[in-house]
PDB file of N, CA and C in Angstrom:
ATOM      1  N   UNK A   1       8.361   5.467 -15.651  1.00  0.00           N
ATOM      2  CA  UNK A   1       7.597   6.641 -15.980  1.00  0.00           C
ATOM      3  C   UNK A   1       8.148   7.883 -15.267  1.00  0.00           C
ATOM      4  N   UNK A   2       8.459   7.766 -13.996  1.00  0.00           N
ATOM      5  CA  UNK A   2       9.015   8.891 -13.235  1.00  0.00           C
ATOM      6  C   UNK A   2      10.539   8.846 -13.169  1.00  0.00           C
ATOM      7  N   UNK A   3      11.130   7.881 -13.844  1.00  0.00           N
ATOM      8  CA  UNK A   3      12.578   7.711 -13.789  1.00  0.00           C
ATOM      9  C   UNK A   3      13.343   8.970 -14.190  1.00  0.00           C
ATOM     10  N   UNK A   4      12.965   9.670 -15.268  1.00  0.00           N
ATOM     11  CA  UNK A   4      13.713  10.894 -15.612  1.00  0.00           C
ATOM     12  C   UNK A   4      13.599  11.981 -14.536  1.00  0.00           C
ATOM     13  N   UNK A   5      12.461  12.046 -13.885  1.00  0.00           N
ATOM     14  CA  UNK A   5      12.246  13.047 -12.851  1.00  0.00           C
ATOM     15  C   UNK A   5      12.995  12.698 -11.561  1.00  0.00           C
ATOM     16  N   UNK A   6      12.954  11.432 -11.172  1.00  0.00           N
ATOM     17  CA  UNK A   6      13.540  11.010  -9.899  1.00  0.00           C
ATOM     18  C   UNK A   6      14.999  10.572 -10.009  1.00  0.00           C
ATOM     19  N   UNK A   7      15.462  10.275 -11.206  1.00  0.00           N
ATOM     20  CA  UNK A   7      16.864   9.940 -11.388  1.00  0.00           C
ATOM     21  C   UNK A   7      17.170   8.465 -11.538  1.00  0.00           C
ATOM     22  N   UNK A   8      16.288   7.585 -11.063  1.00  0.00           N
ATOM     23  CA  UNK A   8      16.543   6.158 -11.224  1.00  0.00           C
ATOM     24  C   UNK A   8      15.242   5.374 -11.147  1.00  0.00           C
ATOM     25  N   UNK A   9      15.287   4.188 -11.728  1.00  0.00           N
ATOM     26  CA  UNK A   9      14.115   3.318 -11.716  1.00  0.00           C
ATOM     27  C   UNK A   9      13.832   2.797 -10.311  1.00  0.00           C
ATOM     28  N   UNK A  10      14.889   2.497  -9.562  1.00  0.00           N
ATOM     29  CA  UNK A  10      14.691   1.962  -8.215  1.00  0.00           C
ATOM     30  C   UNK A  10      14.084   3.018  -7.287  1.00  0.00           C
ATOM     31  N   UNK A  11      14.416   4.267  -7.489  1.00  0.00           N
ATOM     32  CA  UNK A  11      13.819   5.338  -6.698  1.00  0.00           C
ATOM     33  C   UNK A  11      12.315   5.421  -6.957  1.00  0.00           C
ATOM     34  N   UNK A  12      11.935   5.301  -8.216  1.00  0.00           N
ATOM     35  CA  UNK A  12      10.513   5.310  -8.567  1.00  0.00           C
ATOM     36  C   UNK A  12       9.792   4.133  -7.924  1.00  0.00           C
ATOM     37  N   UNK A  13      10.383   2.957  -8.004  1.00  0.00           N
ATOM     38  CA  UNK A  13       9.755   1.755  -7.444  1.00  0.00           C
ATOM     39  C   UNK A  13       9.584   1.870  -5.930  1.00  0.00           C
ATOM     40  N   UNK A  14      10.602   2.396  -5.251  1.00  0.00           N
ATOM     41  CA  UNK A  14      10.531   2.559  -3.793  1.00  0.00           C
ATOM     42  C   UNK A  14       9.382   3.498  -3.424  1.00  0.00           C
ATOM     43  N   UNK A  15       9.313   4.642  -4.081  1.00  0.00           N
ATOM     44  CA  UNK A  15       8.278   5.621  -3.741  1.00  0.00           C
ATOM     45  C   UNK A  15       6.882   5.118  -4.089  1.00  0.00           C
ATOM     46  N   UNK A  16       6.732   4.446  -5.217  1.00  0.00           N
ATOM     47  CA  UNK A  16       5.430   3.890  -5.605  1.00  0.00           C
ATOM     48  C   UNK A  16       4.985   2.841  -4.593  1.00  0.00           C
ATOM     49  N   UNK A  17       5.901   1.973  -4.182  1.00  0.00           N
ATOM     50  CA  UNK A  17       5.572   0.925  -3.216  1.00  0.00           C
ATOM     51  C   UNK A  17       5.112   1.520  -1.890  1.00  0.00           C
ATOM     52  N   UNK A  18       5.855   2.500  -1.401  1.00  0.00           N
ATOM     53  CA  UNK A  18       5.511   3.096  -0.110  1.00  0.00           C
ATOM     54  C   UNK A  18       4.223   3.907  -0.214  1.00  0.00           C
ATOM     55  N   UNK A  19       3.982   4.531  -1.353  1.00  0.00           N
ATOM     56  CA  UNK A  19       2.725   5.258  -1.541  1.00  0.00           C
ATOM     57  C   UNK A  19       1.537   4.294  -1.542  1.00  0.00           C
ATOM     58  N   UNK A  20       1.682   3.168  -2.205  1.00  0.00           N
ATOM     59  CA  UNK A  20       0.585   2.211  -2.309  1.00  0.00           C
ATOM     60  C   UNK A  20       0.298   1.508  -0.985  1.00  0.00           C
ATOM     61  N   UNK A  21       1.346   1.155  -0.244  1.00  0.00           N
ATOM     62  CA  UNK A  21       1.149   0.355   0.968  1.00  0.00           C
ATOM     63  C   UNK A  21       1.370   1.119   2.275  1.00  0.00           C
ATOM     64  N   UNK A  22       1.871   2.328   2.193  1.00  0.00           N
ATOM     65  CA  UNK A  22       2.056   3.127   3.401  1.00  0.00           C
ATOM     66  C   UNK A  22       3.414   2.963   4.059  1.00  0.00           C
ATOM     67  N   UNK A  23       3.998   1.785   3.942  1.00  0.00           N
ATOM     68  CA  UNK A  23       5.311   1.521   4.524  1.00  0.00           C
ATOM     69  C   UNK A  23       5.908   0.300   3.853  1.00  0.00           C
ATOM     70  N   UNK A  24       7.189   0.096   4.068  1.00  0.00           N
ATOM     71  CA  UNK A  24       7.839  -1.077   3.500  1.00  0.00           C
ATOM     72  C   UNK A  24       9.276  -1.180   3.962  1.00  0.00           C
ATOM     73  N   UNK A  25       9.867  -2.331   3.727  1.00  0.00           N
ATOM     74  CA  UNK A  25      11.271  -2.520   4.052  1.00  0.00           C
ATOM     75  C   UNK A  25      11.995  -3.003   2.800  1.00  0.00           C
ATOM     76  N   UNK A  26      13.304  -2.895   2.805  1.00  0.00           N
ATOM     77  CA  UNK A  26      14.113  -3.070   1.604  1.00  0.00           C
ATOM     78  C   UNK A  26      13.899  -4.416   0.923  1.00  0.00           C
ATOM     79  N   UNK A  27      13.990  -5.495   1.644  1.00  0.00           N
ATOM     80  CA  UNK A  27      13.864  -6.823   1.026  1.00  0.00           C
ATOM     81  C   UNK A  27      12.464  -7.026   0.455  1.00  0.00           C
ATOM     82  N   UNK A  28      11.457  -6.537   1.127  1.00  0.00           N
ATOM     83  CA  UNK A  28      10.077  -6.657   0.650  1.00  0.00           C
ATOM     84  C   UNK A  28       9.919  -5.940  -0.697  1.00  0.00           C
ATOM     85  N   UNK A  29      10.474  -4.751  -0.806  1.00  0.00           N
ATOM     86  CA  UNK A  29      10.371  -3.971  -2.042  1.00  0.00           C
ATOM     87  C   UNK A  29      11.154  -4.653  -3.160  1.00  0.00           C
ATOM     88  N   UNK A  30      12.358  -5.142  -2.856  1.00  0.00           N
ATOM     89  CA  UNK A  30      13.172  -5.786  -3.893  1.00  0.00           C
ATOM     90  C   UNK A  30      12.519  -7.070  -4.388  1.00  0.00           C
ATOM     91  N   UNK A  31      11.925  -7.842  -3.513  1.00  0.00           N
ATOM     92  CA  UNK A  31      11.238  -9.073  -3.928  1.00  0.00           C
ATOM     93  C   UNK A  31      10.004  -8.763  -4.763  1.00  0.00           C
ATOM     94  N   UNK A  32       9.261  -7.744  -4.355  1.00  0.00           N
ATOM     95  CA  UNK A  32       8.029  -7.411  -5.068  1.00  0.00           C
ATOM     96  C   UNK A  32       8.302  -7.045  -6.520  1.00  0.00           C
ATOM     97  N   UNK A  33       9.322  -6.211  -6.750  1.00  0.00           N
ATOM     98  CA  UNK A  33       9.620  -5.755  -8.099  1.00  0.00           C
ATOM     99  C   UNK A  33      10.664  -6.606  -8.817  1.00  0.00           C
ATOM    100  N   UNK A  34      11.282  -7.561  -8.124  1.00  0.00           N
ATOM    101  CA  UNK A  34      12.298  -8.397  -8.749  1.00  0.00           C
ATOM    102  C   UNK A  34      13.574  -7.634  -9.060  1.00  0.00           C
ATOM    103  N   UNK A  35      13.918  -6.693  -8.192  1.00  0.00           N
ATOM    104  CA  UNK A  35      15.123  -5.879  -8.340  1.00  0.00           C
ATOM    105  C   UNK A  35      16.117  -6.326  -7.269  1.00  0.00           C
ATOM    106  N   UNK A  36      17.395  -6.203  -7.549  1.00  0.00           N
ATOM    107  CA  UNK A  36      18.417  -6.550  -6.557  1.00  0.00           C
ATOM    108  C   UNK A  36      18.244  -5.703  -5.293  1.00  0.00           C
ATOM    109  N   UNK A  37      18.665  -6.238  -4.181  1.00  0.00           N
ATOM    110  CA  UNK A  37      18.490  -5.572  -2.894  1.00  0.00           C
ATOM    111  C   UNK A  37      19.347  -4.315  -2.745  1.00  0.00           C
ATOM    112  N   UNK A  38      20.582  -4.352  -3.231  1.00  0.00           N
ATOM    113  CA  UNK A  38      21.518  -3.241  -3.038  1.00  0.00           C
ATOM    114  C   UNK A  38      21.004  -1.900  -3.571  1.00  0.00           C
ATOM    115  N   UNK A  39      20.500  -1.808  -4.816  1.00  0.00           N
ATOM    116  CA  UNK A  39      20.008  -0.504  -5.280  1.00  0.00           C
ATOM    117  C   UNK A  39      18.803   0.002  -4.483  1.00  0.00           C
ATOM    118  N   UNK A  40      17.986  -0.912  -4.010  1.00  0.00           N
ATOM    119  CA  UNK A  40      16.834  -0.511  -3.204  1.00  0.00           C
ATOM    120  C   UNK A  40      17.308   0.081  -1.884  1.00  0.00           C
ATOM    121  N   UNK A  41      18.267  -0.574  -1.239  1.00  0.00           N
ATOM    122  CA  UNK A  41      18.804  -0.064   0.021  1.00  0.00           C
ATOM    123  C   UNK A  41      19.452   1.305  -0.168  1.00  0.00           C
ATOM    124  N   UNK A  42      20.175   1.473  -1.258  1.00  0.00           N
ATOM    125  CA  UNK A  42      20.822   2.760  -1.524  1.00  0.00           C
ATOM    126  C   UNK A  42      19.787   3.859  -1.742  1.00  0.00           C
ATOM    127  N   UNK A  43      18.719   3.558  -2.456  1.00  0.00           N
ATOM    128  CA  UNK A  43      17.674   4.555  -2.681  1.00  0.00           C
ATOM    129  C   UNK A  43      16.946   4.893  -1.383  1.00  0.00           C
ATOM    130  N   UNK A  44      16.678   3.895  -0.565  1.00  0.00           N
ATOM    131  CA  UNK A  44      16.029   4.164   0.726  1.00  0.00           C
ATOM    132  C   UNK A  44      16.900   5.067   1.586  1.00  0.00           C
ATOM    133  N   UNK A  45      18.205   4.795   1.622  1.00  0.00           N
ATOM    134  CA  UNK A  45      19.132   5.637   2.386  1.00  0.00           C
ATOM    135  C   UNK A  45      19.155   7.059   1.834  1.00  0.00           C
ATOM    136  N   UNK A  46      19.207   7.183   0.512  1.00  0.00           N
ATOM    137  CA  UNK A  46      19.246   8.499  -0.123  1.00  0.00           C
ATOM    138  C   UNK A  46      17.964   9.286   0.148  1.00  0.00           C
ATOM    139  N   UNK A  47      16.817   8.616   0.057  1.00  0.00           N
ATOM    140  CA  UNK A  47      15.537   9.292   0.294  1.00  0.00           C
ATOM    141  C   UNK A  47      15.372   9.668   1.771  1.00  0.00           C
ATOM    142  N   UNK A  48      15.912   8.839   2.655  1.00  0.00           N
ATOM    143  CA  UNK A  48      15.858   9.176   4.076  1.00  0.00           C
ATOM    144  C   UNK A  48      16.789  10.348   4.385  1.00  0.00           C
ATOM    145  N   UNK A  49      17.951  10.349   3.796  1.00  0.00           N
ATOM    146  CA  UNK A  49      18.897  11.443   3.988  1.00  0.00           C
ATOM    147  C   UNK A  49      18.317  12.758   3.463  1.00  0.00           C
ATOM    148  N   UNK A  50      17.552  12.695   2.375  1.00  0.00           N
ATOM    149  CA  UNK A  50      16.918  13.868   1.801  1.00  0.00           C
ATOM    150  C   UNK A  50      15.682  14.337   2.545  1.00  0.00           C
ATOM    151  N   UNK A  51      15.246  13.567   3.531  1.00  0.00           N
ATOM    152  CA  UNK A  51      14.105  13.977   4.341  1.00  0.00           C
ATOM    153  C   UNK A  51      12.757  13.551   3.792  1.00  0.00           C
ATOM    154  N   UNK A  52      12.726  12.791   2.701  1.00  0.00           N
ATOM    155  CA  UNK A  52      11.465  12.350   2.110  1.00  0.00           C
ATOM    156  C   UNK A  52      10.889  11.180   2.894  1.00  0.00           C
ATOM    157  N   UNK A  53      11.759  10.286   3.349  1.00  0.00           N
ATOM    158  CA  UNK A  53      11.337   9.119   4.113  1.00  0.00           C
ATOM    159  C   UNK A  53      11.901   9.185   5.530  1.00  0.00           C
ATOM    160  N   UNK A  54      11.245   8.506   6.428  1.00  0.00           N
ATOM    161  CA  UNK A  54      11.763   8.286   7.776  1.00  0.00           C
ATOM    162  C   UNK A  54      11.708   6.781   8.024  1.00  0.00           C
ATOM    163  N   UNK A  55      12.528   6.309   8.941  1.00  0.00           N
ATOM    164  CA  UNK A  55      12.551   4.879   9.227  1.00  0.00           C
ATOM    165  C   UNK A  55      12.494   4.647  10.727  1.00  0.00           C
ATOM    166  N   UNK A  56      12.063   3.446  11.069  1.00  0.00           N
ATOM    167  CA  UNK A  56      12.043   3.014  12.461  1.00  0.00           C
ATOM    168  C   UNK A  56      12.256   1.516  12.468  1.00  0.00           C
ATOM    169  N   UNK A  57      12.708   1.014  13.598  1.00  0.00           N
ATOM    170  CA  UNK A  57      12.954  -0.415  13.719  1.00  0.00           C
ATOM    171  C   UNK A  57      11.725  -1.112  14.281  1.00  0.00           C
ATOM    172  N   UNK A  58      11.361  -2.205  13.662  1.00  0.00           N
ATOM    173  CA  UNK A  58      10.315  -3.094  14.168  1.00  0.00           C
ATOM    174  C   UNK A  58      11.001  -4.443  14.325  1.00  0.00           C
ATOM    175  N   UNK A  59      11.425  -4.739  15.549  1.00  0.00           N
ATOM    176  CA  UNK A  59      12.270  -5.903  15.760  1.00  0.00           C
ATOM    177  C   UNK A  59      13.643  -5.614  15.191  1.00  0.00           C
ATOM    178  N   UNK A  60      14.085  -6.447  14.241  1.00  0.00           N
ATOM    179  CA  UNK A  60      15.374  -6.210  13.575  1.00  0.00           C
ATOM    180  C   UNK A  60      15.200  -5.629  12.181  1.00  0.00           C
ATOM    181  N   UNK A  61      13.974  -5.316  11.808  1.00  0.00           N
ATOM    182  CA  UNK A  61      13.688  -4.837  10.459  1.00  0.00           C
ATOM    183  C   UNK A  61      13.505  -3.330  10.456  1.00  0.00           C
ATOM    184  N   UNK A  62      14.175  -2.653   9.534  1.00  0.00           N
ATOM    185  CA  UNK A  62      14.031  -1.201   9.394  1.00  0.00           C
ATOM    186  C   UNK A  62      12.893  -0.927   8.425  1.00  0.00           C
ATOM    187  N   UNK A  63      11.831  -0.308   8.935  1.00  0.00           N
ATOM    188  CA  UNK A  63      10.633   0.015   8.158  1.00  0.00           C
ATOM    189  C   UNK A  63      10.714   1.475   7.719  1.00  0.00           C
ATOM    190  N   UNK A  64      10.393   1.727   6.457  1.00  0.00           N
ATOM    191  CA  UNK A  64      10.424   3.078   5.894  1.00  0.00           C
ATOM    192  C   UNK A  64       9.007   3.540   5.593  1.00  0.00           C
ATOM    193  N   UNK A  65       8.760   4.814   5.843  1.00  0.00           N
ATOM    194  CA  UNK A  65       7.483   5.435   5.532  1.00  0.00           C
ATOM    195  C   UNK A  65       7.742   6.893   5.165  1.00  0.00           C
ATOM    196  N   UNK A  66       6.735   7.571   4.626  1.00  0.00           N
ATOM    197  CA  UNK A  66       6.914   8.972   4.259  1.00  0.00           C
ATOM    198  C   UNK A  66       7.076   9.840   5.500  1.00  0.00           C
ATOM    199  N   UNK A  67       7.922  10.852   5.383  1.00  0.00           N
ATOM    200  CA  UNK A  67       8.136  11.810   6.455  1.00  0.00           C
ATOM    201  C   UNK A  67       6.971  12.801   6.437  1.00  0.00           C
ATOM    202  N   UNK A  68       6.136  12.825   7.469  1.00  0.00           N
ATOM    203  CA  UNK A  68       4.994  13.741   7.468  1.00  0.00           C
ATOM    204  C   UNK A  68       5.405  15.215   7.501  1.00  0.00           C
ATOM    205  N   UNK A  69       6.647  15.498   7.842  1.00  0.00           N
ATOM    206  CA  UNK A  69       7.123  16.887   7.894  1.00  0.00           C
ATOM    207  C   UNK A  69       7.781  17.344   6.590  1.00  0.00           C
ATOM    208  N   UNK A  70       7.851  16.468   5.605  1.00  0.00           N
ATOM    209  CA  UNK A  70       8.447  16.841   4.317  1.00  0.00           C
ATOM    210  C   UNK A  70       7.556  17.902   3.662  1.00  0.00           C
ATOM    211  N   UNK A  71       8.106  19.065   3.285  1.00  0.00           N
ATOM    212  CA  UNK A  71       7.275  20.180   2.821  1.00  0.00           C
ATOM    213  C   UNK A  71       6.499  19.912   1.525  1.00  0.00           C
ATOM    214  N   UNK A  72       6.993  19.027   0.666  1.00  0.00           N
ATOM    215  CA  UNK A  72       6.315  18.763  -0.604  1.00  0.00           C
ATOM    216  C   UNK A  72       5.627  17.402  -0.620  1.00  0.00           C
ATOM    217  N   UNK A  73       5.291  16.877   0.544  1.00  0.00           N
ATOM    218  CA  UNK A  73       4.720  15.540   0.634  1.00  0.00           C
ATOM    219  C   UNK A  73       3.395  15.436  -0.110  1.00  0.00           C
ATOM    220  N   UNK A  74       2.531  16.408   0.062  1.00  0.00           N
ATOM    221  CA  UNK A  74       1.222  16.367  -0.589  1.00  0.00           C
ATOM    222  C   UNK A  74       1.371  16.337  -2.112  1.00  0.00           C
ATOM    223  N   UNK A  75       2.238  17.169  -2.638  1.00  0.00           N
ATOM    224  CA  UNK A  75       2.462  17.226  -4.078  1.00  0.00           C
ATOM    225  C   UNK A  75       3.118  15.939  -4.600  1.00  0.00           C
ATOM    226  N   UNK A  76       4.074  15.410  -3.830  1.00  0.00           N
ATOM    227  CA  UNK A  76       4.738  14.170  -4.214  1.00  0.00           C
ATOM    228  C   UNK A  76       3.736  13.027  -4.274  1.00  0.00           C
ATOM    229  N   UNK A  77       2.863  12.941  -3.278  1.00  0.00           N
ATOM    230  CA  UNK A  77       1.851  11.881  -3.256  1.00  0.00           C
ATOM    231  C   UNK A  77       0.884  12.007  -4.428  1.00  0.00           C
ATOM    232  N   UNK A  78       0.544  13.229  -4.807  1.00  0.00           N
ATOM    233  CA  UNK A  78      -0.331  13.426  -5.965  1.00  0.00           C
ATOM    234  C   UNK A  78       0.338  12.922  -7.243  1.00  0.00           C
ATOM    235  N   UNK A  79       1.620  13.217  -7.406  1.00  0.00           N
ATOM    236  CA  UNK A  79       2.364  12.746  -8.577  1.00  0.00           C
ATOM    237  C   UNK A  79       2.437  11.217  -8.579  1.00  0.00           C
ATOM    238  N   UNK A  80       2.722  10.625  -7.423  1.00  0.00           N
ATOM    239  CA  UNK A  80       2.830   9.174  -7.342  1.00  0.00           C
ATOM    240  C   UNK A  80       1.490   8.497  -7.602  1.00  0.00           C
ATOM    241  N   UNK A  81       0.405   9.067  -7.085  1.00  0.00           N
ATOM    242  CA  UNK A  81      -0.926   8.517  -7.350  1.00  0.00           C
ATOM    243  C   UNK A  81      -1.254   8.568  -8.836  1.00  0.00           C
ATOM    244  N   UNK A  82      -0.929   9.674  -9.471  1.00  0.00           N
ATOM    245  CA  UNK A  82      -1.167   9.822 -10.906  1.00  0.00           C
ATOM    246  C   UNK A  82      -0.335   8.814 -11.691  1.00  0.00           C
ATOM    247  N   UNK A  83       0.933   8.643 -11.316  1.00  0.00           N
ATOM    248  CA  UNK A  83       1.806   7.679 -11.994  1.00  0.00           C
ATOM    249  C   UNK A  83       1.289   6.255 -11.804  1.00  0.00           C
ATOM    250  N   UNK A  84       0.739   5.969 -10.639  1.00  0.00           N
ATOM    251  CA  UNK A  84       0.219   4.635 -10.352  1.00  0.00           C
ATOM    252  C   UNK A  84      -0.958   4.289 -11.262  1.00  0.00           C
ATOM    253  N   UNK A  85      -1.727   5.280 -11.674  1.00  0.00           N
ATOM    254  CA  UNK A  85      -2.852   5.012 -12.578  1.00  0.00           C
ATOM    255  C   UNK A  85      -2.373   4.580 -13.964  1.00  0.00           C
ATOM    256  N   UNK A  86      -1.132   4.902 -14.335  1.00  0.00           N
ATOM    257  CA  UNK A  86      -0.594   4.524 -15.635  1.00  0.00           C
ATOM    258  C   UNK A  86       0.173   3.205 -15.598  1.00  0.00           C
ATOM    259  N   UNK A  87       0.317   2.595 -14.436  1.00  0.00           N
ATOM    260  CA  UNK A  87       0.970   1.299 -14.340  1.00  0.00           C
ATOM    261  C   UNK A  87       0.080   0.241 -14.984  1.00  0.00           C
ATOM    262  N   UNK A  88       0.664  -0.854 -15.464  1.00  0.00           N
ATOM    263  CA  UNK A  88      -0.157  -1.938 -16.023  1.00  0.00           C
ATOM    264  C   UNK A  88      -1.154  -2.448 -14.977  1.00  0.00           C
ATOM    265  N   UNK A  89      -2.326  -2.822 -15.436  1.00  0.00           N
ATOM    266  CA  UNK A  89      -3.422  -3.232 -14.544  1.00  0.00           C
ATOM    267  C   UNK A  89      -3.013  -4.336 -13.578  1.00  0.00           C
ATOM    268  N   UNK A  90      -2.326  -5.375 -14.075  1.00  0.00           N
ATOM    269  CA  UNK A  90      -1.969  -6.497 -13.209  1.00  0.00           C
ATOM    270  C   UNK A  90      -0.966  -6.091 -12.132  1.00  0.00           C
ATOM    271  N   UNK A  91      -0.005  -5.224 -12.464  1.00  0.00           N
ATOM    272  CA  UNK A  91       0.966  -4.779 -11.462  1.00  0.00           C
ATOM    273  C   UNK A  91       0.305  -3.871 -10.430  1.00  0.00           C
ATOM    274  N   UNK A  92      -0.599  -3.028 -10.875  1.00  0.00           N
ATOM    275  CA  UNK A  92      -1.329  -2.147  -9.956  1.00  0.00           C
ATOM    276  C   UNK A  92      -2.189  -2.969  -8.999  1.00  0.00           C
ATOM    277  N   UNK A  93      -2.863  -3.989  -9.525  1.00  0.00           N
ATOM    278  CA  UNK A  93      -3.682  -4.867  -8.672  1.00  0.00           C
ATOM    279  C   UNK A  93      -2.816  -5.582  -7.644  1.00  0.00           C
ATOM    280  N   UNK A  94      -1.671  -6.125  -8.110  1.00  0.00           N
ATOM    281  CA  UNK A  94      -0.755  -6.820  -7.205  1.00  0.00           C
ATOM    282  C   UNK A  94      -0.248  -5.896  -6.112  1.00  0.00           C
ATOM    283  N   UNK A  95       0.010  -4.657  -6.486  1.00  0.00           N
ATOM    284  CA  UNK A  95       0.548  -3.683  -5.545  1.00  0.00           C
ATOM    285  C   UNK A  95      -0.503  -3.255  -4.529  1.00  0.00           C
ATOM    286  N   UNK A  96      -1.699  -2.978  -4.996  1.00  0.00           N
ATOM    287  CA  UNK A  96      -2.743  -2.476  -4.102  1.00  0.00           C
ATOM    288  C   UNK A  96      -3.409  -3.575  -3.290  1.00  0.00           C
ATOM    289  N   UNK A  97      -3.354  -4.813  -3.751  1.00  0.00           N
ATOM    290  CA  UNK A  97      -4.003  -5.912  -3.040  1.00  0.00           C
ATOM    291  C   UNK A  97      -2.995  -6.796  -2.312  1.00  0.00           C
ATOM    292  N   UNK A  98      -1.866  -6.243  -1.961  1.00  0.00           N
ATOM    293  CA  UNK A  98      -0.813  -6.998  -1.290  1.00  0.00           C
ATOM    294  C   UNK A  98      -1.255  -7.330   0.125  1.00  0.00           C
ATOM    295  N   UNK A  99      -1.433  -8.623   0.396  1.00  0.00           N
ATOM    296  CA  UNK A  99      -1.850  -9.075   1.717  1.00  0.00           C
ATOM    297  C   UNK A  99      -0.627  -9.159   2.617  1.00  0.00           C
ATOM    298  N   UNK A 100      -0.706  -8.513   3.773  1.00  0.00           N
ATOM    299  CA  UNK A 100       0.451  -8.465   4.664  1.00  0.00           C
ATOM    300  C   UNK A 100       0.220  -9.188   5.983  1.00  0.00           C
ATOM    301  N   UNK A 101      -1.004  -9.322   6.390  1.00  0.00           N
ATOM    302  CA  UNK A 101      -1.254  -9.962   7.673  1.00  0.00           C
ATOM    303  C   UNK A 101      -1.226 -11.483   7.528  1.00  0.00           C
ATOM    304  N   UNK A 102      -0.791 -12.181   8.547  1.00  0.00           N
ATOM    305  CA  UNK A 102      -0.770 -13.643   8.464  1.00  0.00           C
ATOM    306  C   UNK A 102      -2.183 -14.222   8.563  1.00  0.00           C
ATOM    307  N   UNK A 103      -2.356 -15.402   8.032  1.00  0.00           N
ATOM    308  CA  UNK A 103      -3.654 -16.060   8.096  1.00  0.00           C
ATOM    309  C   UNK A 103      -3.827 -16.730   9.472  1.00  0.00           C
ATOM    310  N   UNK A 104      -5.060 -16.819   9.892  1.00  0.00           N
ATOM    311  CA  UNK A 104      -5.364 -17.498  11.150  1.00  0.00           C
ATOM    312  C   UNK A 104      -5.035 -18.987  10.995  1.00  0.00           C
ATOM    313  N   UNK A 105      -4.475 -19.591  12.009  1.00  0.00           N
ATOM    314  CA  UNK A 105      -4.117 -21.012  11.984  1.00  0.00           C
ATOM    315  C   UNK A 105      -5.385 -21.833  11.755  1.00  0.00           C
ATOM    316  N   UNK A 106      -5.303 -22.769  10.826  1.00  0.00           N
ATOM    317  CA  UNK A 106      -6.420 -23.657  10.557  1.00  0.00           C
ATOM    318  C   UNK A 106      -7.463 -23.103   9.613  1.00  0.00           C
ATOM    319  N   UNK A 107      -7.320 -21.860   9.173  1.00  0.00           N
ATOM    320  CA  UNK A 107      -8.302 -21.266   8.284  1.00  0.00           C
ATOM    321  C   UNK A 107      -8.116 -21.832   6.879  1.00  0.00           C
ATOM    322  N   UNK A 108      -9.225 -22.175   6.241  1.00  0.00           N
ATOM    323  CA  UNK A 108      -9.126 -22.751   4.903  1.00  0.00           C
ATOM    324  C   UNK A 108      -8.732 -21.692   3.888  1.00  0.00           C
ATOM    325  N   UNK A 109      -8.059 -22.123   2.850  1.00  0.00           N
ATOM    326  CA  UNK A 109      -7.607 -21.191   1.819  1.00  0.00           C
ATOM    327  C   UNK A 109      -8.677 -21.110   0.797  1.00  0.00           C
TER     328      UNK A 109
END
């Protein structure tokens, strides 16, 4: 949906994922959307170089999140939120209900 505006499908997927969950890393995003890892990594690097995203290390994993100092962040988030409403219901549910914390040991499923 935003591919013509952003230039690539992987760029759209990266931004939608980070908007929905607040942060993410390359392999997590590629697995979620079923896209190869290389284009996701290239888009993350490009978006970080452009100042839209910032990254930090958590252990050995590079985590990406939106740059709070990006001048058009509010407008970008509004566009991404609007685009997310047009995603198929099942993909939107999967994206917004993504469980990230581990389960307590011994807890029943």
